[in-house]
Structures are given as C-alpha cells and as structure tokens.
Amino acid sequence: MDWSQVAAVAVAVLTPLSPYLAKAGEEVAKEVGKAVFEKGKAIYSAIRRKFEDDQDEQAQQTLAQFERKPETARETLVAQLTQKAEADTVFAEALSKLVGDTRNILFRCLRERFQTQDLKEVYFRLGIGWSDLTGEMASRTEKAMALIQYIETRERLPELITVMWEVHPGLKC
C-alpha cells in the first residue's frame, strides 16, 4: 500500500467510530465490537499524538472537525495523514501496522461472521455480482475469500469498510 492508501484506510476505519472516539469504556466496546473499537482507538490515538507532537494546529483542527462531522473532514484528514506519513517513516510504519491489524480483523469478520445474506449485500453494494468472482456453486467462505482478494488487488479497502459498516452496523467482531 502507498501512504495515501494507508491514510484512506485509517480514515475509513475511524469514520463510523467518530461518535465513540472521545468516549471510553466497556459499554462503547460492547456497542461497536471490542476488537474493531480497540484498533480504531489505537489508530485515532496515534494520529492525535502525531498532530500534537508536530504542533500542527491545522491538522488538530481537522481532527476535531472529523470527530464532529467526519464526512466533511474526511478528504482533508486523508491528505494531512498522507503528508505526515511521507515526511515521517516511523509514524508511517506505525500507522501502516495499525491499519494492517485492523484490516485483518475486518477480513476475519467478513470471512467468519458475515452471514450469506450480509455477504450478498456487501457484494451488491460494491457493484459485484454474487457469481462474478467465484461462480454460483462456491461456499460462503469461498465467496468471502474471493471478495477479500478482489478488494486487496483493486485497493478498494476503504470502500469495503464503509459498506461493511452499512450492512452490519457496529461490526461486532
């Protein structure tokens, strides 16, 4: 992944979590799924710490705006994260690892927890026919794995994350 892709995935993970980022505790984790929430919180903390360490007021304001209205600040936050990652390889590698860990959790969720109907809805929302990637006779797990491979090769992970949250709110994985 290039740094803009890492930044886009990080923001895609944080977008549905934005109402919960300032909160903490077991109740929030129960509501949105502990594994996803913990990884999202780690991504958020790394970003916030980087912006504070750099004393970047504009980036901090963008993050605050993102917390309140994520859709309006998404693109700006991705651009700022990309710029920070390109300038600081230590931050970039740390963010990349957090994004990779989150990606693995989401893919495991897609493969193991999404029921056939949910998986069909994900395919539909991504504009992929149910039989397009593997044929009609493939199992649900095979269809999930084919979708994962397709997403990775086409770098559509931010879009998949958005769709997964729409289809399975809270991603309790």
N, C-alpha and C. Protein backbone atom coordinates (compact mmCIF):
# COMPACT_ATOMS: atom_id res chain seq x y z
N MET A 1 0.84 -1.19 0.00
CA MET A 1 0.00 0.00 0.00
C MET A 1 0.88 1.24 0.00
N ASP A 2 0.47 2.23 -0.75
CA ASP A 2 1.16 3.52 -0.65
C ASP A 2 0.58 4.29 0.54
N TRP A 3 1.23 5.37 0.92
CA TRP A 3 0.82 6.08 2.13
C TRP A 3 -0.56 6.70 2.01
N SER A 4 -0.94 7.12 0.81
CA SER A 4 -2.29 7.66 0.66
C SER A 4 -3.34 6.58 0.87
N GLN A 5 -3.03 5.35 0.49
CA GLN A 5 -3.95 4.23 0.71
C GLN A 5 -4.03 3.90 2.20
N VAL A 6 -2.89 3.91 2.89
CA VAL A 6 -2.88 3.67 4.34
C VAL A 6 -3.73 4.74 5.03
N ALA A 7 -3.54 5.99 4.64
CA ALA A 7 -4.30 7.10 5.23
C ALA A 7 -5.79 6.93 4.95
N ALA A 8 -6.14 6.55 3.74
CA ALA A 8 -7.55 6.38 3.38
C ALA A 8 -8.19 5.25 4.19
N VAL A 9 -7.46 4.16 4.40
CA VAL A 9 -8.00 3.06 5.19
C VAL A 9 -8.15 3.49 6.65
N ALA A 10 -7.15 4.19 7.18
CA ALA A 10 -7.24 4.66 8.58
C ALA A 10 -8.48 5.53 8.77
N VAL A 11 -8.71 6.44 7.86
CA VAL A 11 -9.87 7.33 7.97
C VAL A 11 -11.17 6.55 7.77
N ALA A 12 -11.16 5.57 6.87
CA ALA A 12 -12.35 4.74 6.66
C ALA A 12 -12.70 3.96 7.92
N VAL A 13 -11.69 3.48 8.64
CA VAL A 13 -11.93 2.77 9.89
C VAL A 13 -12.50 3.72 10.93
N LEU A 14 -11.95 4.94 11.00
CA LEU A 14 -12.36 5.89 12.03
C LEU A 14 -13.72 6.53 11.78
N THR A 15 -14.13 6.63 10.53
CA THR A 15 -15.36 7.35 10.21
C THR A 15 -16.57 6.82 10.98
N PRO A 16 -16.89 5.54 10.94
CA PRO A 16 -18.06 5.09 11.69
C PRO A 16 -17.83 5.11 13.20
N LEU A 17 -16.57 5.16 13.62
CA LEU A 17 -16.26 5.20 15.05
C LEU A 17 -16.24 6.61 15.62
N SER A 18 -16.35 7.62 14.76
CA SER A 18 -16.19 9.01 15.21
C SER A 18 -17.09 9.39 16.39
N PRO A 19 -18.32 8.92 16.48
CA PRO A 19 -19.13 9.29 17.65
C PRO A 19 -18.58 8.71 18.96
N TYR A 20 -17.73 7.70 18.86
CA TYR A 20 -17.25 6.99 20.04
C TYR A 20 -15.81 7.33 20.42
N LEU A 21 -15.10 8.06 19.57
CA LEU A 21 -13.66 8.26 19.77
C LEU A 21 -13.33 8.97 21.08
N ALA A 22 -14.14 9.92 21.47
CA ALA A 22 -13.87 10.66 22.70
C ALA A 22 -14.32 9.88 23.93
N LYS A 23 -15.12 8.86 23.73
CA LYS A 23 -15.62 8.06 24.84
C LYS A 23 -14.68 6.88 25.08
N ALA A 24 -14.83 6.27 26.21
CA ALA A 24 -14.03 5.08 26.51
C ALA A 24 -14.89 4.14 27.34
N GLY A 25 -14.39 2.97 27.55
CA GLY A 25 -15.06 2.07 28.46
C GLY A 25 -15.68 0.87 27.77
N GLU A 26 -16.10 -0.04 28.59
CA GLU A 26 -16.62 -1.31 28.15
C GLU A 26 -17.94 -1.17 27.40
N GLU A 27 -18.78 -0.20 27.78
CA GLU A 27 -20.08 -0.03 27.13
C GLU A 27 -19.93 0.31 25.65
N VAL A 28 -18.98 1.20 25.34
CA VAL A 28 -18.74 1.57 23.95
C VAL A 28 -18.23 0.36 23.18
N ALA A 29 -17.28 -0.34 23.77
CA ALA A 29 -16.72 -1.52 23.11
C ALA A 29 -17.80 -2.56 22.83
N LYS A 30 -18.75 -2.72 23.74
CA LYS A 30 -19.86 -3.66 23.51
C LYS A 30 -20.72 -3.21 22.35
N GLU A 31 -20.93 -1.92 22.26
CA GLU A 31 -21.81 -1.37 21.22
C GLU A 31 -21.23 -1.52 19.82
N VAL A 32 -19.93 -1.32 19.68
CA VAL A 32 -19.33 -1.33 18.34
C VAL A 32 -18.42 -2.53 18.10
N GLY A 33 -18.25 -3.38 19.06
CA GLY A 33 -17.37 -4.52 18.88
C GLY A 33 -15.99 -4.21 19.43
N LYS A 34 -15.56 -5.00 20.38
CA LYS A 34 -14.34 -4.70 21.11
C LYS A 34 -13.09 -4.66 20.22
N ALA A 35 -12.89 -5.65 19.39
CA ALA A 35 -11.66 -5.71 18.58
C ALA A 35 -11.57 -4.52 17.62
N VAL A 36 -12.66 -4.24 16.94
CA VAL A 36 -12.67 -3.12 15.99
C VAL A 36 -12.49 -1.80 16.73
N PHE A 37 -13.19 -1.65 17.86
CA PHE A 37 -13.09 -0.41 18.63
C PHE A 37 -11.67 -0.19 19.15
N GLU A 38 -11.06 -1.23 19.68
CA GLU A 38 -9.69 -1.09 20.23
C GLU A 38 -8.70 -0.70 19.14
N LYS A 39 -8.79 -1.31 17.98
CA LYS A 39 -7.87 -0.96 16.88
C LYS A 39 -8.17 0.45 16.37
N GLY A 40 -9.44 0.78 16.26
CA GLY A 40 -9.80 2.14 15.84
C GLY A 40 -9.29 3.18 16.82
N LYS A 41 -9.44 2.91 18.09
CA LYS A 41 -8.96 3.83 19.13
C LYS A 41 -7.44 3.98 19.05
N ALA A 42 -6.73 2.89 18.78
CA ALA A 42 -5.27 2.95 18.64
C ALA A 42 -4.87 3.80 17.44
N ILE A 43 -5.58 3.66 16.33
CA ILE A 43 -5.30 4.48 15.15
C ILE A 43 -5.54 5.95 15.46
N TYR A 44 -6.68 6.23 16.08
CA TYR A 44 -7.03 7.59 16.45
C TYR A 44 -5.98 8.20 17.38
N SER A 45 -5.56 7.45 18.38
CA SER A 45 -4.57 7.94 19.34
C SER A 45 -3.23 8.23 18.66
N ALA A 46 -2.82 7.37 17.74
CA ALA A 46 -1.56 7.58 17.03
C ALA A 46 -1.63 8.85 16.18
N ILE A 47 -2.75 9.06 15.54
CA ILE A 47 -2.92 10.26 14.70
C ILE A 47 -2.93 11.52 15.58
N ARG A 48 -3.72 11.48 16.63
CA ARG A 48 -3.80 12.64 17.52
C ARG A 48 -2.44 12.98 18.12
N ARG A 49 -1.73 11.95 18.56
CA ARG A 49 -0.40 12.15 19.14
C ARG A 49 0.57 12.77 18.12
N LYS A 50 0.50 12.29 16.88
CA LYS A 50 1.38 12.82 15.83
C LYS A 50 1.08 14.30 15.58
N PHE A 51 -0.20 14.64 15.47
CA PHE A 51 -0.57 16.02 15.22
C PHE A 51 -0.15 16.92 16.38
N GLU A 52 -0.29 16.43 17.61
CA GLU A 52 0.12 17.20 18.78
C GLU A 52 1.64 17.34 18.85
N ASP A 53 2.36 16.23 18.61
CA ASP A 53 3.83 16.27 18.64
C ASP A 53 4.39 17.24 17.61
N ASP A 54 3.75 17.29 16.45
CA ASP A 54 4.18 18.21 15.39
C ASP A 54 3.70 19.64 15.64
N GLN A 55 2.88 19.82 16.66
CA GLN A 55 2.27 21.11 16.96
C GLN A 55 1.61 21.71 15.72
N ASP A 56 0.90 20.85 15.04
CA ASP A 56 0.23 21.22 13.80
C ASP A 56 -1.22 21.60 14.11
N GLU A 57 -1.44 22.88 14.30
CA GLU A 57 -2.77 23.39 14.67
C GLU A 57 -3.83 23.05 13.62
N GLN A 58 -3.46 23.22 12.36
CA GLN A 58 -4.41 22.96 11.29
C GLN A 58 -4.85 21.49 11.28
N ALA A 59 -3.89 20.59 11.44
CA ALA A 59 -4.21 19.17 11.47
C ALA A 59 -5.06 18.83 12.70
N GLN A 60 -4.76 19.44 13.83
CA GLN A 60 -5.55 19.21 15.04
C GLN A 60 -6.98 19.71 14.85
N GLN A 61 -7.13 20.83 14.18
CA GLN A 61 -8.48 21.35 13.91
C GLN A 61 -9.24 20.42 12.96
N THR A 62 -8.52 19.89 11.98
CA THR A 62 -9.16 18.94 11.06
C THR A 62 -9.63 17.71 11.82
N LEU A 63 -8.80 17.21 12.73
CA LEU A 63 -9.18 16.04 13.51
C LEU A 63 -10.39 16.34 14.39
N ALA A 64 -10.42 17.52 14.99
CA ALA A 64 -11.57 17.92 15.81
C ALA A 64 -12.83 18.01 14.95
N GLN A 65 -12.70 18.57 13.76
CA GLN A 65 -13.83 18.65 12.82
C GLN A 65 -14.28 17.25 12.43
N PHE A 66 -13.32 16.37 12.19
CA PHE A 66 -13.63 14.98 11.83
C PHE A 66 -14.42 14.29 12.93
N GLU A 67 -14.07 14.55 14.18
CA GLU A 67 -14.78 13.95 15.31
C GLU A 67 -16.26 14.36 15.31
N ARG A 68 -16.52 15.62 14.95
CA ARG A 68 -17.89 16.13 14.96
C ARG A 68 -18.65 15.75 13.69
N LYS A 69 -18.02 15.95 12.56
CA LYS A 69 -18.66 15.70 11.26
C LYS A 69 -17.66 15.02 10.33
N PRO A 70 -17.53 13.70 10.45
CA PRO A 70 -16.49 13.00 9.70
C PRO A 70 -16.60 13.15 8.18
N GLU A 71 -17.81 13.19 7.66
CA GLU A 71 -17.94 13.26 6.20
C GLU A 71 -17.37 14.55 5.62
N THR A 72 -17.43 15.64 6.36
CA THR A 72 -16.95 16.91 5.83
C THR A 72 -15.43 17.05 5.93
N ALA A 73 -14.80 16.28 6.81
CA ALA A 73 -13.36 16.43 7.02
C ALA A 73 -12.54 15.24 6.51
N ARG A 74 -13.19 14.24 5.98
CA ARG A 74 -12.50 13.01 5.54
C ARG A 74 -11.36 13.28 4.58
N GLU A 75 -11.64 13.94 3.49
CA GLU A 75 -10.63 14.14 2.45
C GLU A 75 -9.44 14.95 2.96
N THR A 76 -9.72 15.97 3.75
CA THR A 76 -8.65 16.80 4.30
C THR A 76 -7.80 15.98 5.25
N LEU A 77 -8.43 15.17 6.08
CA LEU A 77 -7.69 14.34 7.02
C LEU A 77 -6.82 13.32 6.28
N VAL A 78 -7.34 12.71 5.24
CA VAL A 78 -6.54 11.77 4.43
C VAL A 78 -5.33 12.48 3.86
N ALA A 79 -5.52 13.66 3.31
CA ALA A 79 -4.40 14.42 2.73
C ALA A 79 -3.35 14.76 3.78
N GLN A 80 -3.80 15.17 4.96
CA GLN A 80 -2.85 15.52 6.02
C GLN A 80 -2.10 14.28 6.52
N LEU A 81 -2.80 13.17 6.66
CA LEU A 81 -2.14 11.94 7.08
C LEU A 81 -1.13 11.46 6.05
N THR A 82 -1.49 11.56 4.79
CA THR A 82 -0.56 11.18 3.72
C THR A 82 0.70 12.02 3.78
N GLN A 83 0.53 13.31 3.95
CA GLN A 83 1.67 14.23 4.05
C GLN A 83 2.54 13.87 5.25
N LYS A 84 1.94 13.61 6.40
CA LYS A 84 2.69 13.25 7.61
C LYS A 84 3.44 11.93 7.40
N ALA A 85 2.77 10.96 6.79
CA ALA A 85 3.39 9.65 6.56
C ALA A 85 4.57 9.75 5.60
N GLU A 86 4.43 10.56 4.57
CA GLU A 86 5.52 10.73 3.61
C GLU A 86 6.73 11.44 4.24
N ALA A 87 6.47 12.27 5.24
CA ALA A 87 7.55 13.03 5.88
C ALA A 87 8.17 12.29 7.07
N ASP A 88 7.48 11.31 7.64
CA ASP A 88 7.94 10.65 8.86
C ASP A 88 7.74 9.15 8.72
N THR A 89 8.80 8.44 8.38
CA THR A 89 8.68 7.00 8.13
C THR A 89 8.33 6.21 9.39
N VAL A 90 8.77 6.67 10.56
CA VAL A 90 8.44 5.98 11.80
C VAL A 90 6.92 6.03 12.03
N PHE A 91 6.34 7.22 11.88
CA PHE A 91 4.89 7.36 12.01
C PHE A 91 4.19 6.53 10.93
N ALA A 92 4.68 6.61 9.71
CA ALA A 92 4.06 5.90 8.60
C ALA A 92 4.04 4.39 8.85
N GLU A 93 5.15 3.85 9.32
CA GLU A 93 5.20 2.41 9.59
C GLU A 93 4.28 2.01 10.73
N ALA A 94 4.22 2.85 11.77
CA ALA A 94 3.33 2.56 12.90
C ALA A 94 1.87 2.59 12.47
N LEU A 95 1.52 3.61 11.69
CA LEU A 95 0.15 3.71 11.18
C LEU A 95 -0.16 2.54 10.26
N SER A 96 0.78 2.18 9.42
CA SER A 96 0.60 1.06 8.50
C SER A 96 0.36 -0.25 9.25
N LYS A 97 1.09 -0.46 10.33
CA LYS A 97 0.90 -1.67 11.14
C LYS A 97 -0.50 -1.68 11.78
N LEU A 98 -0.91 -0.55 12.34
CA LEU A 98 -2.24 -0.47 12.94
C LEU A 98 -3.33 -0.72 11.90
N VAL A 99 -3.17 -0.13 10.73
CA VAL A 99 -4.13 -0.33 9.65
C VAL A 99 -4.14 -1.80 9.22
N GLY A 100 -2.96 -2.40 9.11
CA GLY A 100 -2.87 -3.82 8.74
C GLY A 100 -3.56 -4.72 9.74
N ASP A 101 -3.35 -4.44 11.04
CA ASP A 101 -4.01 -5.23 12.08
C ASP A 101 -5.53 -5.09 12.00
N THR A 102 -5.98 -3.87 11.76
CA THR A 102 -7.42 -3.63 11.64
C THR A 102 -7.97 -4.32 10.41
N ARG A 103 -7.25 -4.24 9.32
CA ARG A 103 -7.64 -4.91 8.08
C ARG A 103 -7.84 -6.40 8.33
N ASN A 104 -6.92 -7.01 9.07
CA ASN A 104 -7.02 -8.44 9.35
C ASN A 104 -8.26 -8.77 10.17
N ILE A 105 -8.58 -7.93 11.14
CA ILE A 105 -9.79 -8.13 11.94
C ILE A 105 -11.03 -8.03 11.06
N LEU A 106 -11.06 -7.02 10.20
CA LEU A 106 -12.23 -6.84 9.33
C LEU A 106 -12.37 -8.00 8.35
N PHE A 107 -11.26 -8.46 7.80
CA PHE A 107 -11.33 -9.58 6.87
C PHE A 107 -11.78 -10.86 7.59
N ARG A 108 -11.31 -11.07 8.81
CA ARG A 108 -11.75 -12.23 9.59
C ARG A 108 -13.25 -12.12 9.86
N CYS A 109 -13.70 -10.93 10.17
CA CYS A 109 -15.13 -10.69 10.40
C CYS A 109 -15.94 -11.03 9.15
N LEU A 110 -15.46 -10.55 8.03
CA LEU A 110 -16.15 -10.80 6.75
C LEU A 110 -16.20 -12.30 6.46
N ARG A 111 -15.09 -12.98 6.70
CA ARG A 111 -14.99 -14.40 6.39
C ARG A 111 -15.77 -15.27 7.38
N GLU A 112 -15.72 -14.92 8.67
CA GLU A 112 -16.26 -15.81 9.69
C GLU A 112 -17.63 -15.39 10.24
N ARG A 113 -17.91 -14.11 10.28
CA ARG A 113 -19.12 -13.65 10.97
C ARG A 113 -20.25 -13.21 10.05
N PHE A 114 -19.91 -12.72 8.87
CA PHE A 114 -20.97 -12.26 7.97
C PHE A 114 -21.74 -13.47 7.45
N GLN A 115 -23.04 -13.44 7.61
CA GLN A 115 -23.89 -14.49 7.10
C GLN A 115 -24.03 -14.31 5.59
N THR A 116 -24.54 -15.32 4.92
CA THR A 116 -24.65 -15.28 3.46
C THR A 116 -25.42 -14.05 2.99
N GLN A 117 -26.53 -13.74 3.63
CA GLN A 117 -27.33 -12.59 3.20
C GLN A 117 -26.54 -11.29 3.35
N ASP A 118 -25.79 -11.15 4.46
CA ASP A 118 -24.96 -9.95 4.66
C ASP A 118 -23.88 -9.87 3.59
N LEU A 119 -23.26 -10.99 3.31
CA LEU A 119 -22.19 -11.03 2.31
C LEU A 119 -22.74 -10.69 0.92
N LYS A 120 -23.94 -11.20 0.62
CA LYS A 120 -24.58 -10.86 -0.66
C LYS A 120 -24.82 -9.35 -0.75
N GLU A 121 -25.25 -8.76 0.35
CA GLU A 121 -25.50 -7.32 0.37
C GLU A 121 -24.20 -6.55 0.16
N VAL A 122 -23.10 -7.01 0.74
CA VAL A 122 -21.80 -6.36 0.53
C VAL A 122 -21.42 -6.42 -0.94
N TYR A 123 -21.55 -7.58 -1.54
CA TYR A 123 -21.28 -7.73 -2.98
C TYR A 123 -22.11 -6.73 -3.78
N PHE A 124 -23.41 -6.70 -3.49
CA PHE A 124 -24.32 -5.82 -4.22
C PHE A 124 -23.91 -4.36 -4.08
N ARG A 125 -23.63 -3.91 -2.86
CA ARG A 125 -23.28 -2.51 -2.63
C ARG A 125 -21.94 -2.13 -3.26
N LEU A 126 -21.08 -3.11 -3.44
CA LEU A 126 -19.80 -2.85 -4.11
C LEU A 126 -19.92 -2.96 -5.63
N GLY A 127 -21.10 -3.33 -6.11
CA GLY A 127 -21.32 -3.44 -7.54
C GLY A 127 -20.74 -4.70 -8.14
N ILE A 128 -20.70 -5.76 -7.35
CA ILE A 128 -20.16 -7.04 -7.81
C ILE A 128 -21.30 -8.05 -7.78
N GLY A 129 -21.46 -8.78 -8.85
CA GLY A 129 -22.47 -9.82 -8.88
C GLY A 129 -22.09 -10.98 -7.98
N TRP A 130 -23.06 -11.62 -7.38
CA TRP A 130 -22.83 -12.70 -6.43
C TRP A 130 -22.02 -13.84 -7.05
N SER A 131 -22.18 -14.07 -8.33
CA SER A 131 -21.46 -15.15 -9.00
C SER A 131 -20.25 -14.66 -9.79
N ASP A 132 -20.00 -13.37 -9.81
CA ASP A 132 -18.94 -12.82 -10.65
C ASP A 132 -17.54 -13.29 -10.28
N LEU A 133 -17.24 -13.44 -9.01
CA LEU A 133 -15.87 -13.72 -8.59
C LEU A 133 -15.56 -15.21 -8.48
N THR A 134 -16.56 -16.03 -8.16
CA THR A 134 -16.28 -17.45 -7.93
C THR A 134 -17.25 -18.40 -8.60
N GLY A 135 -18.31 -17.88 -9.15
CA GLY A 135 -19.33 -18.76 -9.70
C GLY A 135 -20.39 -19.07 -8.66
N GLU A 136 -21.48 -19.64 -9.08
CA GLU A 136 -22.64 -19.86 -8.21
C GLU A 136 -22.40 -20.94 -7.15
N MET A 137 -21.62 -21.96 -7.45
CA MET A 137 -21.51 -23.13 -6.57
C MET A 137 -20.52 -22.95 -5.41
N ALA A 138 -19.86 -21.83 -5.30
CA ALA A 138 -18.88 -21.62 -4.24
C ALA A 138 -19.58 -21.45 -2.89
N SER A 139 -18.89 -21.85 -1.84
CA SER A 139 -19.44 -21.69 -0.49
C SER A 139 -19.34 -20.23 -0.05
N ARG A 140 -20.03 -19.92 1.06
CA ARG A 140 -19.98 -18.56 1.61
C ARG A 140 -18.54 -18.17 1.94
N THR A 141 -17.78 -19.07 2.54
CA THR A 141 -16.38 -18.78 2.89
C THR A 141 -15.56 -18.52 1.63
N GLU A 142 -15.77 -19.32 0.60
CA GLU A 142 -15.05 -19.11 -0.67
C GLU A 142 -15.42 -17.76 -1.28
N LYS A 143 -16.70 -17.40 -1.17
CA LYS A 143 -17.14 -16.10 -1.69
C LYS A 143 -16.51 -14.96 -0.89
N ALA A 144 -16.40 -15.12 0.42
CA ALA A 144 -15.76 -14.10 1.26
C ALA A 144 -14.28 -13.97 0.89
N MET A 145 -13.61 -15.09 0.74
CA MET A 145 -12.18 -15.05 0.39
C MET A 145 -11.96 -14.44 -0.99
N ALA A 146 -12.82 -14.75 -1.93
CA ALA A 146 -12.71 -14.16 -3.27
C ALA A 146 -12.91 -12.65 -3.20
N LEU A 147 -13.85 -12.22 -2.39
CA LEU A 147 -14.09 -10.78 -2.23
C LEU A 147 -12.87 -10.11 -1.60
N ILE A 148 -12.29 -10.72 -0.59
CA ILE A 148 -11.10 -10.17 0.06
C ILE A 148 -9.97 -10.02 -0.95
N GLN A 149 -9.72 -11.04 -1.74
CA GLN A 149 -8.66 -10.97 -2.76
C GLN A 149 -8.96 -9.87 -3.78
N TYR A 150 -10.19 -9.79 -4.19
CA TYR A 150 -10.60 -8.76 -5.15
C TYR A 150 -10.35 -7.37 -4.58
N ILE A 151 -10.77 -7.15 -3.34
CA ILE A 151 -10.63 -5.84 -2.69
C ILE A 151 -9.15 -5.47 -2.58
N GLU A 152 -8.32 -6.42 -2.17
CA GLU A 152 -6.90 -6.12 -2.00
C GLU A 152 -6.22 -5.79 -3.32
N THR A 153 -6.53 -6.51 -4.35
CA THR A 153 -5.86 -6.25 -5.63
C THR A 153 -6.34 -4.95 -6.27
N ARG A 154 -7.52 -4.52 -5.93
CA ARG A 154 -8.07 -3.29 -6.52
C ARG A 154 -7.97 -2.10 -5.57
N GLU A 155 -7.39 -2.31 -4.38
CA GLU A 155 -7.22 -1.26 -3.38
C GLU A 155 -8.54 -0.55 -3.07
N ARG A 156 -9.57 -1.34 -2.85
CA ARG A 156 -10.89 -0.81 -2.52
C ARG A 156 -11.25 -1.03 -1.05
N LEU A 157 -10.24 -1.20 -0.22
CA LEU A 157 -10.49 -1.47 1.19
C LEU A 157 -11.29 -0.36 1.88
N PRO A 158 -10.98 0.93 1.66
CA PRO A 158 -11.82 1.96 2.31
C PRO A 158 -13.30 1.82 1.94
N GLU A 159 -13.56 1.51 0.70
CA GLU A 159 -14.95 1.33 0.25
C GLU A 159 -15.58 0.09 0.90
N LEU A 160 -14.81 -0.99 1.02
CA LEU A 160 -15.32 -2.19 1.68
C LEU A 160 -15.66 -1.92 3.14
N ILE A 161 -14.81 -1.19 3.84
CA ILE A 161 -15.06 -0.88 5.25
C ILE A 161 -16.37 -0.11 5.39
N THR A 162 -16.57 0.88 4.54
CA THR A 162 -17.80 1.66 4.58
C THR A 162 -19.01 0.76 4.37
N VAL A 163 -18.95 -0.10 3.39
CA VAL A 163 -20.07 -1.00 3.09
C VAL A 163 -20.29 -1.99 4.22
N MET A 164 -19.21 -2.53 4.78
CA MET A 164 -19.36 -3.48 5.89
C MET A 164 -20.10 -2.84 7.06
N TRP A 165 -19.76 -1.57 7.37
CA TRP A 165 -20.43 -0.87 8.47
C TRP A 165 -21.90 -0.61 8.14
N GLU A 166 -22.21 -0.34 6.88
CA GLU A 166 -23.59 -0.10 6.49
C GLU A 166 -24.42 -1.38 6.60
N VAL A 167 -23.84 -2.49 6.19
CA VAL A 167 -24.57 -3.75 6.17
C VAL A 167 -24.66 -4.37 7.56
N HIS A 168 -23.61 -4.24 8.33
CA HIS A 168 -23.51 -4.89 9.64
C HIS A 168 -23.12 -3.82 10.66
N PRO A 169 -24.05 -2.90 11.01
CA PRO A 169 -23.70 -1.78 11.91
C PRO A 169 -23.06 -2.25 13.20
N GLY A 170 -21.97 -1.60 13.55
CA GLY A 170 -21.25 -1.93 14.76
C GLY A 170 -20.13 -2.93 14.56
N LEU A 171 -20.17 -3.71 13.50
CA LEU A 171 -19.16 -4.71 13.24
C LEU A 171 -18.68 -5.39 14.52
N LYS A 172 -19.57 -6.01 15.20
CA LYS A 172 -19.22 -6.64 16.48
C LYS A 172 -18.38 -7.89 16.25
N CYS A 173 -17.15 -7.64 15.89
CA CYS A 173 -16.20 -8.72 15.59
C CYS A 173 -15.16 -8.83 16.69
